Amino acid sequence: MGTGEPFLNYDNVMEAIDLLSSESIYDMSRRKMTISTVGIPDAIRKFSNDSRGVRLALSLHASSNGLRDELIPLNRAYPLGEIMSAVRYFSQVTGQRVTFEYMLLKDINDSDKDAQALANLIKDMDCLVNLIPWNPVPGVPYEASDADQVNRFKKILEKNHIKVTMRRKLGSSIEGACGQLRRAKT
């Protein structure tokens, strides 16, 4: 995670999975691996048949195309409806729970309305929402959501029978937390 879009390098990622799971090399269980994507529909569908136990996580961060276009520019090429159709296909073909990664940004995507829209988008799926706290990045205008609002967001999802976890916040003091790993300007 955090080092590029794996489905834009599909063949090499699948080769790496095969190597990591090979009994003679690393013998890691495929069930302990997760591919995290911003959503390339054709690749998700292909992965549905190739995954053989590897899990899928979608970096969602918004439940509408307008906001997702701003947060994840690749969404302009692969709109949310197409992505969600592919994710549902993955879930049906593999029988696996899908994880939705959702970074909470103060006054951007953390409102009660956003929480309900997210619940409506994924309500018919076996899924888990992983709420991710924003880690400040110099020069980036976003702020972390208030703890009270994070709890409200989580409770709205739970009220809608959505499984939710909250990612622990680690590494921000060394600019090594989620979202902070990037090349520094010189």
N, C-alpha and C. Protein backbone atom coordinates (compact mmCIF):
# COMPACT_ATOMS: atom_id res chain seq x y z
N MET A 1 0.84 -1.19 0.00
CA MET A 1 0.00 0.00 0.00
C MET A 1 0.88 1.25 0.00
N GLY A 2 0.40 2.27 -0.66
CA GLY A 2 1.10 3.54 -0.64
C GLY A 2 2.26 3.65 -1.60
N THR A 3 2.47 2.66 -2.46
CA THR A 3 3.61 2.73 -3.37
C THR A 3 3.18 2.65 -4.83
N GLY A 4 1.98 3.06 -5.14
CA GLY A 4 1.51 3.03 -6.51
C GLY A 4 0.29 2.16 -6.65
N GLU A 5 -0.34 2.26 -7.81
CA GLU A 5 -1.56 1.49 -8.09
C GLU A 5 -1.18 0.10 -8.58
N PRO A 6 -1.44 -0.93 -7.77
CA PRO A 6 -1.02 -2.28 -8.14
C PRO A 6 -1.65 -2.80 -9.43
N PHE A 7 -2.89 -2.39 -9.71
CA PHE A 7 -3.56 -2.92 -10.89
C PHE A 7 -3.10 -2.25 -12.18
N LEU A 8 -2.25 -1.23 -12.09
CA LEU A 8 -1.61 -0.69 -13.28
C LEU A 8 -0.29 -1.42 -13.55
N ASN A 9 0.04 -2.38 -12.69
CA ASN A 9 1.23 -3.22 -12.82
C ASN A 9 0.82 -4.66 -12.53
N TYR A 10 -0.31 -5.05 -13.10
CA TYR A 10 -1.01 -6.28 -12.74
C TYR A 10 -0.12 -7.53 -12.81
N ASP A 11 0.52 -7.75 -13.93
CA ASP A 11 1.29 -8.99 -14.10
C ASP A 11 2.41 -9.12 -13.07
N ASN A 12 3.12 -8.04 -12.81
CA ASN A 12 4.21 -8.09 -11.82
C ASN A 12 3.67 -8.28 -10.41
N VAL A 13 2.54 -7.67 -10.10
CA VAL A 13 1.94 -7.86 -8.78
C VAL A 13 1.52 -9.31 -8.59
N MET A 14 0.91 -9.89 -9.60
CA MET A 14 0.49 -11.29 -9.49
C MET A 14 1.70 -12.22 -9.36
N GLU A 15 2.78 -11.89 -10.08
CA GLU A 15 4.01 -12.68 -9.96
C GLU A 15 4.58 -12.58 -8.54
N ALA A 16 4.55 -11.38 -7.98
CA ALA A 16 5.03 -11.20 -6.60
C ALA A 16 4.18 -12.00 -5.62
N ILE A 17 2.87 -12.01 -5.81
CA ILE A 17 1.99 -12.80 -4.95
C ILE A 17 2.35 -14.27 -5.05
N ASP A 18 2.56 -14.75 -6.27
CA ASP A 18 2.93 -16.16 -6.45
C ASP A 18 4.25 -16.48 -5.76
N LEU A 19 5.22 -15.57 -5.86
CA LEU A 19 6.51 -15.80 -5.20
C LEU A 19 6.36 -15.81 -3.68
N LEU A 20 5.63 -14.81 -3.16
CA LEU A 20 5.45 -14.74 -1.70
C LEU A 20 4.71 -15.94 -1.15
N SER A 21 3.79 -16.48 -1.94
CA SER A 21 3.01 -17.62 -1.45
C SER A 21 3.64 -18.97 -1.78
N SER A 22 4.71 -18.96 -2.55
CA SER A 22 5.38 -20.19 -2.91
C SER A 22 5.99 -20.85 -1.67
N GLU A 23 5.70 -22.12 -1.51
CA GLU A 23 6.22 -22.87 -0.36
C GLU A 23 7.74 -22.86 -0.32
N SER A 24 8.38 -22.84 -1.48
CA SER A 24 9.84 -22.90 -1.52
C SER A 24 10.51 -21.53 -1.36
N ILE A 25 9.71 -20.45 -1.37
CA ILE A 25 10.32 -19.12 -1.26
C ILE A 25 9.97 -18.46 0.07
N TYR A 26 8.71 -18.13 0.28
CA TYR A 26 8.33 -17.43 1.51
C TYR A 26 7.19 -18.12 2.24
N ASP A 27 6.37 -18.84 1.52
CA ASP A 27 5.26 -19.63 2.06
C ASP A 27 4.25 -18.79 2.86
N MET A 28 4.00 -17.58 2.39
CA MET A 28 3.01 -16.72 3.04
C MET A 28 1.62 -17.11 2.54
N SER A 29 0.69 -17.22 3.44
CA SER A 29 -0.68 -17.55 3.06
C SER A 29 -1.27 -16.43 2.22
N ARG A 30 -1.91 -16.78 1.13
CA ARG A 30 -2.57 -15.79 0.27
C ARG A 30 -3.69 -15.09 1.04
N ARG A 31 -4.24 -15.76 2.03
CA ARG A 31 -5.32 -15.15 2.82
C ARG A 31 -4.81 -14.02 3.72
N LYS A 32 -3.50 -13.92 3.86
CA LYS A 32 -2.92 -12.84 4.66
C LYS A 32 -2.45 -11.68 3.79
N MET A 33 -2.73 -11.76 2.49
CA MET A 33 -2.35 -10.70 1.56
C MET A 33 -3.60 -9.94 1.14
N THR A 34 -3.41 -8.64 0.94
CA THR A 34 -4.49 -7.78 0.47
C THR A 34 -3.94 -6.86 -0.61
N ILE A 35 -4.66 -6.76 -1.71
CA ILE A 35 -4.32 -5.79 -2.74
C ILE A 35 -5.20 -4.58 -2.49
N SER A 36 -4.57 -3.42 -2.36
CA SER A 36 -5.28 -2.17 -2.12
C SER A 36 -5.23 -1.34 -3.40
N THR A 37 -6.40 -0.97 -3.90
CA THR A 37 -6.51 -0.28 -5.18
C THR A 37 -7.40 0.94 -5.06
N VAL A 38 -7.20 1.92 -5.96
CA VAL A 38 -8.15 3.02 -6.05
C VAL A 38 -9.29 2.64 -6.99
N GLY A 39 -9.14 1.52 -7.70
CA GLY A 39 -10.24 1.01 -8.50
C GLY A 39 -10.03 1.06 -9.99
N ILE A 40 -9.56 -0.03 -10.54
CA ILE A 40 -9.44 -0.21 -11.99
C ILE A 40 -10.39 -1.36 -12.32
N PRO A 41 -11.61 -1.05 -12.79
CA PRO A 41 -12.66 -2.08 -12.91
C PRO A 41 -12.26 -3.35 -13.66
N ASP A 42 -11.65 -3.23 -14.85
CA ASP A 42 -11.29 -4.43 -15.60
C ASP A 42 -10.29 -5.29 -14.83
N ALA A 43 -9.35 -4.66 -14.15
CA ALA A 43 -8.36 -5.40 -13.37
C ALA A 43 -9.00 -6.06 -12.15
N ILE A 44 -9.96 -5.39 -11.52
CA ILE A 44 -10.65 -5.99 -10.38
C ILE A 44 -11.40 -7.24 -10.83
N ARG A 45 -12.05 -7.15 -11.98
CA ARG A 45 -12.76 -8.33 -12.50
C ARG A 45 -11.77 -9.47 -12.81
N LYS A 46 -10.65 -9.14 -13.42
CA LYS A 46 -9.63 -10.15 -13.72
C LYS A 46 -9.09 -10.76 -12.43
N PHE A 47 -8.84 -9.90 -11.45
CA PHE A 47 -8.34 -10.34 -10.16
C PHE A 47 -9.33 -11.27 -9.46
N SER A 48 -10.60 -11.07 -9.70
CA SER A 48 -11.64 -11.93 -9.12
C SER A 48 -11.37 -13.39 -9.44
N ASN A 49 -10.88 -13.65 -10.63
CA ASN A 49 -10.60 -15.03 -11.06
C ASN A 49 -9.18 -15.47 -10.75
N ASP A 50 -8.27 -14.52 -10.56
CA ASP A 50 -6.86 -14.83 -10.33
C ASP A 50 -6.44 -14.80 -8.87
N SER A 51 -7.26 -14.25 -7.99
CA SER A 51 -6.82 -13.94 -6.62
C SER A 51 -6.49 -15.16 -5.78
N ARG A 52 -7.22 -16.24 -5.96
CA ARG A 52 -7.01 -17.48 -5.20
C ARG A 52 -6.76 -17.21 -3.71
N GLY A 53 -7.65 -16.42 -3.13
CA GLY A 53 -7.59 -16.19 -1.69
C GLY A 53 -7.06 -14.83 -1.27
N VAL A 54 -6.38 -14.11 -2.16
CA VAL A 54 -5.87 -12.79 -1.81
C VAL A 54 -7.06 -11.84 -1.69
N ARG A 55 -7.03 -11.00 -0.69
CA ARG A 55 -8.14 -10.10 -0.40
C ARG A 55 -8.06 -8.81 -1.21
N LEU A 56 -9.16 -8.06 -1.20
CA LEU A 56 -9.24 -6.81 -1.94
C LEU A 56 -9.65 -5.68 -1.00
N ALA A 57 -8.95 -4.56 -1.11
CA ALA A 57 -9.32 -3.33 -0.40
C ALA A 57 -9.43 -2.22 -1.44
N LEU A 58 -10.48 -1.42 -1.32
CA LEU A 58 -10.67 -0.29 -2.22
C LEU A 58 -10.49 1.00 -1.43
N SER A 59 -9.56 1.83 -1.88
CA SER A 59 -9.38 3.16 -1.30
C SER A 59 -10.52 4.02 -1.83
N LEU A 60 -11.55 4.19 -1.04
CA LEU A 60 -12.78 4.83 -1.49
C LEU A 60 -12.78 6.33 -1.21
N HIS A 61 -12.77 6.72 0.05
CA HIS A 61 -12.63 8.10 0.53
C HIS A 61 -13.77 9.05 0.17
N ALA A 62 -14.70 8.63 -0.67
CA ALA A 62 -15.88 9.44 -1.00
C ALA A 62 -16.91 8.52 -1.64
N SER A 63 -18.18 8.87 -1.49
CA SER A 63 -19.23 8.03 -2.06
C SER A 63 -19.93 8.70 -3.23
N SER A 64 -19.34 9.77 -3.76
CA SER A 64 -19.87 10.42 -4.96
C SER A 64 -18.72 10.69 -5.93
N ASN A 65 -19.04 10.67 -7.20
CA ASN A 65 -18.00 10.92 -8.21
C ASN A 65 -17.40 12.31 -8.09
N GLY A 66 -18.23 13.32 -7.79
CA GLY A 66 -17.72 14.69 -7.72
C GLY A 66 -16.60 14.83 -6.72
N LEU A 67 -16.83 14.39 -5.49
CA LEU A 67 -15.80 14.50 -4.46
C LEU A 67 -14.65 13.53 -4.72
N ARG A 68 -14.97 12.33 -5.16
CA ARG A 68 -13.92 11.35 -5.42
C ARG A 68 -13.01 11.82 -6.56
N ASP A 69 -13.57 12.53 -7.55
CA ASP A 69 -12.75 13.09 -8.63
C ASP A 69 -11.69 14.04 -8.07
N GLU A 70 -12.08 14.81 -7.05
CA GLU A 70 -11.13 15.76 -6.42
C GLU A 70 -10.07 15.03 -5.60
N LEU A 71 -10.50 14.03 -4.84
CA LEU A 71 -9.59 13.34 -3.92
C LEU A 71 -8.73 12.30 -4.64
N ILE A 72 -9.30 11.64 -5.64
CA ILE A 72 -8.61 10.59 -6.37
C ILE A 72 -8.81 10.86 -7.86
N PRO A 73 -7.92 11.64 -8.48
CA PRO A 73 -8.11 12.04 -9.89
C PRO A 73 -8.34 10.87 -10.86
N LEU A 74 -7.81 9.69 -10.57
CA LEU A 74 -8.01 8.54 -11.45
C LEU A 74 -9.49 8.16 -11.54
N ASN A 75 -10.30 8.63 -10.58
CA ASN A 75 -11.73 8.36 -10.61
C ASN A 75 -12.38 8.94 -11.87
N ARG A 76 -11.78 9.97 -12.44
CA ARG A 76 -12.33 10.56 -13.67
C ARG A 76 -12.32 9.55 -14.81
N ALA A 77 -11.32 8.68 -14.83
CA ALA A 77 -11.23 7.65 -15.86
C ALA A 77 -12.07 6.42 -15.52
N TYR A 78 -12.24 6.16 -14.24
CA TYR A 78 -12.96 4.98 -13.78
C TYR A 78 -14.00 5.41 -12.75
N PRO A 79 -15.18 5.84 -13.20
CA PRO A 79 -16.20 6.35 -12.28
C PRO A 79 -16.65 5.30 -11.25
N LEU A 80 -17.15 5.82 -10.16
CA LEU A 80 -17.52 5.02 -9.00
C LEU A 80 -18.50 3.89 -9.34
N GLY A 81 -19.47 4.14 -10.21
CA GLY A 81 -20.44 3.10 -10.57
C GLY A 81 -19.76 1.89 -11.19
N GLU A 82 -18.81 2.13 -12.08
CA GLU A 82 -18.07 1.04 -12.71
C GLU A 82 -17.21 0.30 -11.69
N ILE A 83 -16.58 1.06 -10.80
CA ILE A 83 -15.73 0.45 -9.78
C ILE A 83 -16.57 -0.42 -8.85
N MET A 84 -17.69 0.12 -8.38
CA MET A 84 -18.52 -0.63 -7.44
C MET A 84 -19.09 -1.89 -8.09
N SER A 85 -19.42 -1.82 -9.36
CA SER A 85 -19.89 -3.00 -10.07
C SER A 85 -18.81 -4.08 -10.08
N ALA A 86 -17.57 -3.67 -10.33
CA ALA A 86 -16.45 -4.62 -10.34
C ALA A 86 -16.18 -5.18 -8.95
N VAL A 87 -16.29 -4.33 -7.92
CA VAL A 87 -16.07 -4.79 -6.54
C VAL A 87 -17.15 -5.79 -6.14
N ARG A 88 -18.38 -5.51 -6.52
CA ARG A 88 -19.47 -6.46 -6.23
C ARG A 88 -19.22 -7.79 -6.95
N TYR A 89 -18.72 -7.72 -8.17
CA TYR A 89 -18.38 -8.92 -8.92
C TYR A 89 -17.30 -9.72 -8.18
N PHE A 90 -16.26 -9.02 -7.71
CA PHE A 90 -15.21 -9.68 -6.95
C PHE A 90 -15.80 -10.41 -5.74
N SER A 91 -16.66 -9.73 -5.01
CA SER A 91 -17.27 -10.32 -3.82
C SER A 91 -18.10 -11.55 -4.16
N GLN A 92 -18.86 -11.47 -5.24
CA GLN A 92 -19.70 -12.60 -5.65
C GLN A 92 -18.87 -13.79 -6.10
N VAL A 93 -17.86 -13.53 -6.91
CA VAL A 93 -17.03 -14.61 -7.47
C VAL A 93 -16.20 -15.29 -6.38
N THR A 94 -15.61 -14.49 -5.49
CA THR A 94 -14.69 -15.05 -4.50
C THR A 94 -15.37 -15.43 -3.19
N GLY A 95 -16.53 -14.83 -2.91
CA GLY A 95 -17.19 -15.05 -1.62
C GLY A 95 -16.47 -14.35 -0.47
N GLN A 96 -15.57 -13.43 -0.79
CA GLN A 96 -14.78 -12.75 0.24
C GLN A 96 -15.37 -11.39 0.61
N ARG A 97 -15.15 -11.03 1.84
CA ARG A 97 -15.48 -9.68 2.31
C ARG A 97 -14.50 -8.69 1.69
N VAL A 98 -15.01 -7.55 1.28
CA VAL A 98 -14.18 -6.48 0.71
C VAL A 98 -13.99 -5.41 1.78
N THR A 99 -12.80 -4.84 1.81
CA THR A 99 -12.52 -3.73 2.73
C THR A 99 -12.57 -2.43 1.95
N PHE A 100 -13.24 -1.43 2.53
CA PHE A 100 -13.27 -0.09 1.97
C PHE A 100 -12.46 0.81 2.88
N GLU A 101 -11.40 1.39 2.34
CA GLU A 101 -10.57 2.34 3.08
C GLU A 101 -11.21 3.72 2.92
N TYR A 102 -11.38 4.42 4.04
CA TYR A 102 -12.05 5.73 3.99
C TYR A 102 -11.31 6.69 4.91
N MET A 103 -10.52 7.58 4.31
CA MET A 103 -9.78 8.59 5.05
C MET A 103 -10.74 9.72 5.40
N LEU A 104 -10.84 10.05 6.68
CA LEU A 104 -11.74 11.10 7.12
C LEU A 104 -11.04 12.45 7.08
N LEU A 105 -11.63 13.39 6.35
CA LEU A 105 -11.10 14.74 6.19
C LEU A 105 -12.11 15.74 6.73
N LYS A 106 -11.69 16.56 7.66
CA LYS A 106 -12.58 17.51 8.31
C LYS A 106 -13.30 18.40 7.29
N ASP A 107 -14.63 18.43 7.41
CA ASP A 107 -15.50 19.26 6.58
C ASP A 107 -15.39 18.98 5.08
N ILE A 108 -14.82 17.83 4.72
CA ILE A 108 -14.72 17.44 3.31
C ILE A 108 -15.58 16.20 3.05
N ASN A 109 -15.35 15.14 3.84
CA ASN A 109 -16.07 13.88 3.61
C ASN A 109 -16.51 13.21 4.92
N ASP A 110 -16.62 13.99 5.99
CA ASP A 110 -16.88 13.39 7.31
C ASP A 110 -18.23 13.75 7.92
N SER A 111 -19.13 14.31 7.14
CA SER A 111 -20.42 14.73 7.69
C SER A 111 -21.33 13.52 7.92
N ASP A 112 -22.39 13.75 8.66
CA ASP A 112 -23.40 12.70 8.86
C ASP A 112 -23.98 12.28 7.50
N LYS A 113 -24.18 13.25 6.62
CA LYS A 113 -24.70 12.97 5.28
C LYS A 113 -23.72 12.08 4.50
N ASP A 114 -22.42 12.35 4.63
CA ASP A 114 -21.40 11.51 3.98
C ASP A 114 -21.44 10.09 4.51
N ALA A 115 -21.60 9.95 5.82
CA ALA A 115 -21.66 8.62 6.43
C ALA A 115 -22.87 7.84 5.91
N GLN A 116 -24.02 8.52 5.82
CA GLN A 116 -25.22 7.84 5.33
C GLN A 116 -25.08 7.49 3.85
N ALA A 117 -24.47 8.37 3.07
CA ALA A 117 -24.25 8.08 1.64
C ALA A 117 -23.32 6.87 1.47
N LEU A 118 -22.30 6.79 2.30
CA LEU A 118 -21.41 5.63 2.26
C LEU A 118 -22.17 4.35 2.62
N ALA A 119 -22.96 4.42 3.67
CA ALA A 119 -23.76 3.25 4.08
C ALA A 119 -24.67 2.81 2.94
N ASN A 120 -25.31 3.77 2.28
CA ASN A 120 -26.21 3.44 1.17
C ASN A 120 -25.46 2.81 0.00
N LEU A 121 -24.24 3.27 -0.25
CA LEU A 121 -23.44 2.76 -1.37
C LEU A 121 -23.06 1.30 -1.18
N ILE A 122 -22.78 0.89 0.06
CA ILE A 122 -22.22 -0.45 0.30
C ILE A 122 -23.13 -1.36 1.11
N LYS A 123 -24.37 -0.93 1.38
CA LYS A 123 -25.25 -1.64 2.31
C LYS A 123 -25.54 -3.08 1.93
N ASP A 124 -25.47 -3.42 0.66
CA ASP A 124 -25.82 -4.76 0.23
C ASP A 124 -24.62 -5.69 0.11
N MET A 125 -23.48 -5.29 0.65
CA MET A 125 -22.27 -6.08 0.49
C MET A 125 -21.74 -6.61 1.82
N ASP A 126 -21.05 -7.75 1.74
CA ASP A 126 -20.27 -8.23 2.89
C ASP A 126 -18.97 -7.44 2.84
N CYS A 127 -18.86 -6.47 3.73
CA CYS A 127 -17.71 -5.58 3.67
C CYS A 127 -17.33 -5.08 5.06
N LEU A 128 -16.18 -4.43 5.08
CA LEU A 128 -15.66 -3.79 6.27
C LEU A 128 -15.19 -2.41 5.85
N VAL A 129 -15.54 -1.39 6.62
CA VAL A 129 -15.03 -0.05 6.37
C VAL A 129 -13.92 0.21 7.38
N ASN A 130 -12.76 0.57 6.85
CA ASN A 130 -11.62 0.91 7.69
C ASN A 130 -11.51 2.43 7.66
N LEU A 131 -11.92 3.08 8.75
CA LEU A 131 -11.82 4.53 8.84
C LEU A 131 -10.38 4.90 9.17
N ILE A 132 -9.83 5.83 8.41
CA ILE A 132 -8.43 6.20 8.55
C ILE A 132 -8.33 7.66 8.97
N PRO A 133 -7.64 7.94 10.06
CA PRO A 133 -7.46 9.34 10.45
C PRO A 133 -6.47 10.02 9.52
N TRP A 134 -6.74 11.27 9.18
CA TRP A 134 -5.84 12.05 8.33
C TRP A 134 -4.58 12.40 9.11
N ASN A 135 -3.45 12.24 8.48
CA ASN A 135 -2.17 12.65 9.05
C ASN A 135 -1.72 13.91 8.34
N PRO A 136 -1.49 14.99 9.06
CA PRO A 136 -1.12 16.25 8.42
C PRO A 136 0.12 16.12 7.54
N VAL A 137 0.06 16.79 6.39
CA VAL A 137 1.17 16.81 5.44
C VAL A 137 1.46 18.27 5.14
N PRO A 138 2.68 18.72 5.36
CA PRO A 138 3.01 20.13 5.06
C PRO A 138 2.64 20.49 3.62
N GLY A 139 1.95 21.62 3.47
CA GLY A 139 1.57 22.09 2.15
C GLY A 139 0.26 21.53 1.62
N VAL A 140 -0.37 20.63 2.37
CA VAL A 140 -1.65 20.06 1.97
C VAL A 140 -2.72 20.63 2.89
N PRO A 141 -3.80 21.19 2.34
CA PRO A 141 -4.75 21.96 3.15
C PRO A 141 -5.73 21.16 4.01
N TYR A 142 -5.72 19.84 3.96
CA TYR A 142 -6.69 19.06 4.72
C TYR A 142 -6.37 19.03 6.20
N GLU A 143 -7.43 18.78 7.00
CA GLU A 143 -7.28 18.62 8.45
C GLU A 143 -7.95 17.33 8.88
N ALA A 144 -7.51 16.81 10.01
CA ALA A 144 -8.13 15.62 10.58
C ALA A 144 -9.50 15.95 11.13
N SER A 145 -10.41 15.02 11.02
CA SER A 145 -11.74 15.18 11.59
C SER A 145 -11.68 15.18 13.11
N ASP A 146 -12.61 15.90 13.72
CA ASP A 146 -12.69 15.92 15.18
C ASP A 146 -13.11 14.55 15.69
N ALA A 147 -12.63 14.18 16.86
CA ALA A 147 -12.94 12.86 17.44
C ALA A 147 -14.44 12.65 17.58
N ASP A 148 -15.18 13.68 17.98
CA ASP A 148 -16.64 13.53 18.11
C ASP A 148 -17.28 13.22 16.76
N GLN A 149 -16.82 13.88 15.71
CA GLN A 149 -17.39 13.62 14.38
C GLN A 149 -17.01 12.25 13.87
N VAL A 150 -15.79 11.81 14.15
CA VAL A 150 -15.37 10.45 13.77
C VAL A 150 -16.30 9.44 14.42
N ASN A 151 -16.59 9.62 15.70
CA ASN A 151 -17.49 8.69 16.41
C ASN A 151 -18.90 8.73 15.83
N ARG A 152 -19.39 9.92 15.48
CA ARG A 152 -20.72 10.03 14.86
C ARG A 152 -20.74 9.28 13.52
N PHE A 153 -19.71 9.48 12.73
CA PHE A 153 -19.60 8.82 11.43
C PHE A 153 -19.63 7.30 11.61
N LYS A 154 -18.83 6.82 12.54
CA LYS A 154 -18.75 5.38 12.82
C LYS A 154 -20.10 4.84 13.27
N LYS A 155 -20.78 5.57 14.15
CA LYS A 155 -22.07 5.11 14.67
C LYS A 155 -23.15 5.06 13.58
N ILE A 156 -23.09 6.00 12.65
CA ILE A 156 -24.06 5.98 11.54
C ILE A 156 -23.85 4.72 10.70
N LEU A 157 -22.60 4.39 10.41
CA LEU A 157 -22.32 3.16 9.66
C LEU A 157 -22.80 1.94 10.43
N GLU A 158 -22.48 1.88 11.72
CA GLU A 158 -22.89 0.73 12.53
C GLU A 158 -24.41 0.62 12.62
N LYS A 159 -25.10 1.76 12.72
CA LYS A 159 -26.56 1.75 12.76
C LYS A 159 -27.13 1.15 11.47
N ASN A 160 -26.38 1.28 10.40
CA ASN A 160 -26.77 0.72 9.10
C ASN A 160 -26.21 -0.69 8.88
N HIS A 161 -25.74 -1.31 9.96
CA HIS A 161 -25.24 -2.68 9.95
C HIS A 161 -23.99 -2.87 9.08
N ILE A 162 -23.15 -1.82 9.07
CA ILE A 162 -21.87 -1.88 8.36
C ILE A 162 -20.78 -2.14 9.40
N LYS A 163 -19.93 -3.13 9.14
CA LYS A 163 -18.80 -3.40 10.03
C LYS A 163 -17.75 -2.30 9.84
N VAL A 164 -17.23 -1.79 10.96
CA VAL A 164 -16.31 -0.66 10.92
C VAL A 164 -15.13 -0.89 11.85
N THR A 165 -13.94 -0.53 11.38
CA THR A 165 -12.77 -0.47 12.25
C THR A 165 -12.18 0.93 12.11
N MET A 166 -11.37 1.28 13.08
CA MET A 166 -10.70 2.58 13.07
C MET A 166 -9.20 2.32 13.09
N ARG A 167 -8.51 2.76 12.08
CA ARG A 167 -7.06 2.55 12.01
C ARG A 167 -6.36 3.37 13.09
N ARG A 168 -5.40 2.74 13.74
CA ARG A 168 -4.60 3.48 14.72
C ARG A 168 -3.72 4.48 14.01
N LYS A 169 -3.44 5.56 14.68
CA LYS A 169 -2.62 6.62 14.10
C LYS A 169 -1.18 6.42 14.59
N LEU A 170 -0.31 6.05 13.67
CA LEU A 170 1.09 5.82 13.99
C LEU A 170 1.98 6.46 12.95
N GLY A 171 3.13 6.94 13.35
CA GLY A 171 4.16 7.39 12.43
C GLY A 171 4.10 8.84 12.00
N SER A 172 3.09 9.60 12.45
CA SER A 172 2.97 10.97 11.94
C SER A 172 4.10 11.87 12.44
N SER A 173 4.68 11.57 13.59
CA SER A 173 5.75 12.41 14.12
C SER A 173 7.03 12.34 13.28
N ILE A 174 7.15 11.29 12.47
CA ILE A 174 8.32 11.15 11.60
C ILE A 174 7.92 11.25 10.12
N GLU A 175 6.73 11.77 9.87
CA GLU A 175 6.19 11.89 8.52
C GLU A 175 6.25 10.56 7.78
N GLY A 176 5.89 9.50 8.50
CA GLY A 176 5.89 8.16 7.92
C GLY A 176 4.54 7.49 8.05
N ALA A 177 3.50 8.25 8.36
CA ALA A 177 2.16 7.68 8.54
C ALA A 177 1.45 7.59 7.19
N CYS A 178 0.30 6.94 7.20
CA CYS A 178 -0.52 6.78 6.00
C CYS A 178 -0.74 8.15 5.35
N GLY A 179 -0.42 8.24 4.07
CA GLY A 179 -0.60 9.47 3.33
C GLY A 179 0.60 10.39 3.37
N GLN A 180 1.58 10.10 4.20
CA GLN A 180 2.73 10.99 4.34
C GLN A 180 3.96 10.52 3.57
N LEU A 181 3.93 9.30 3.11
CA LEU A 181 5.10 8.78 2.40
C LEU A 181 5.10 9.33 0.98
N ARG A 182 5.94 10.27 0.74
CA ARG A 182 6.04 10.91 -0.55
C ARG A 182 7.41 11.53 -0.67
N ARG A 183 7.73 11.91 -1.86
CA ARG A 183 9.02 12.56 -2.08
C ARG A 183 8.94 14.00 -1.61
N ALA A 184 9.88 14.38 -0.78
CA ALA A 184 9.91 15.78 -0.29
C ALA A 184 10.45 16.68 -1.38
N LYS A 185 9.89 17.89 -1.46
CA LYS A 185 10.39 18.87 -2.43
C LYS A 185 11.72 19.41 -1.92
N THR A 186 12.65 19.59 -2.84
CA THR A 186 13.96 20.12 -2.48
C THR A 186 14.20 21.46 -3.12
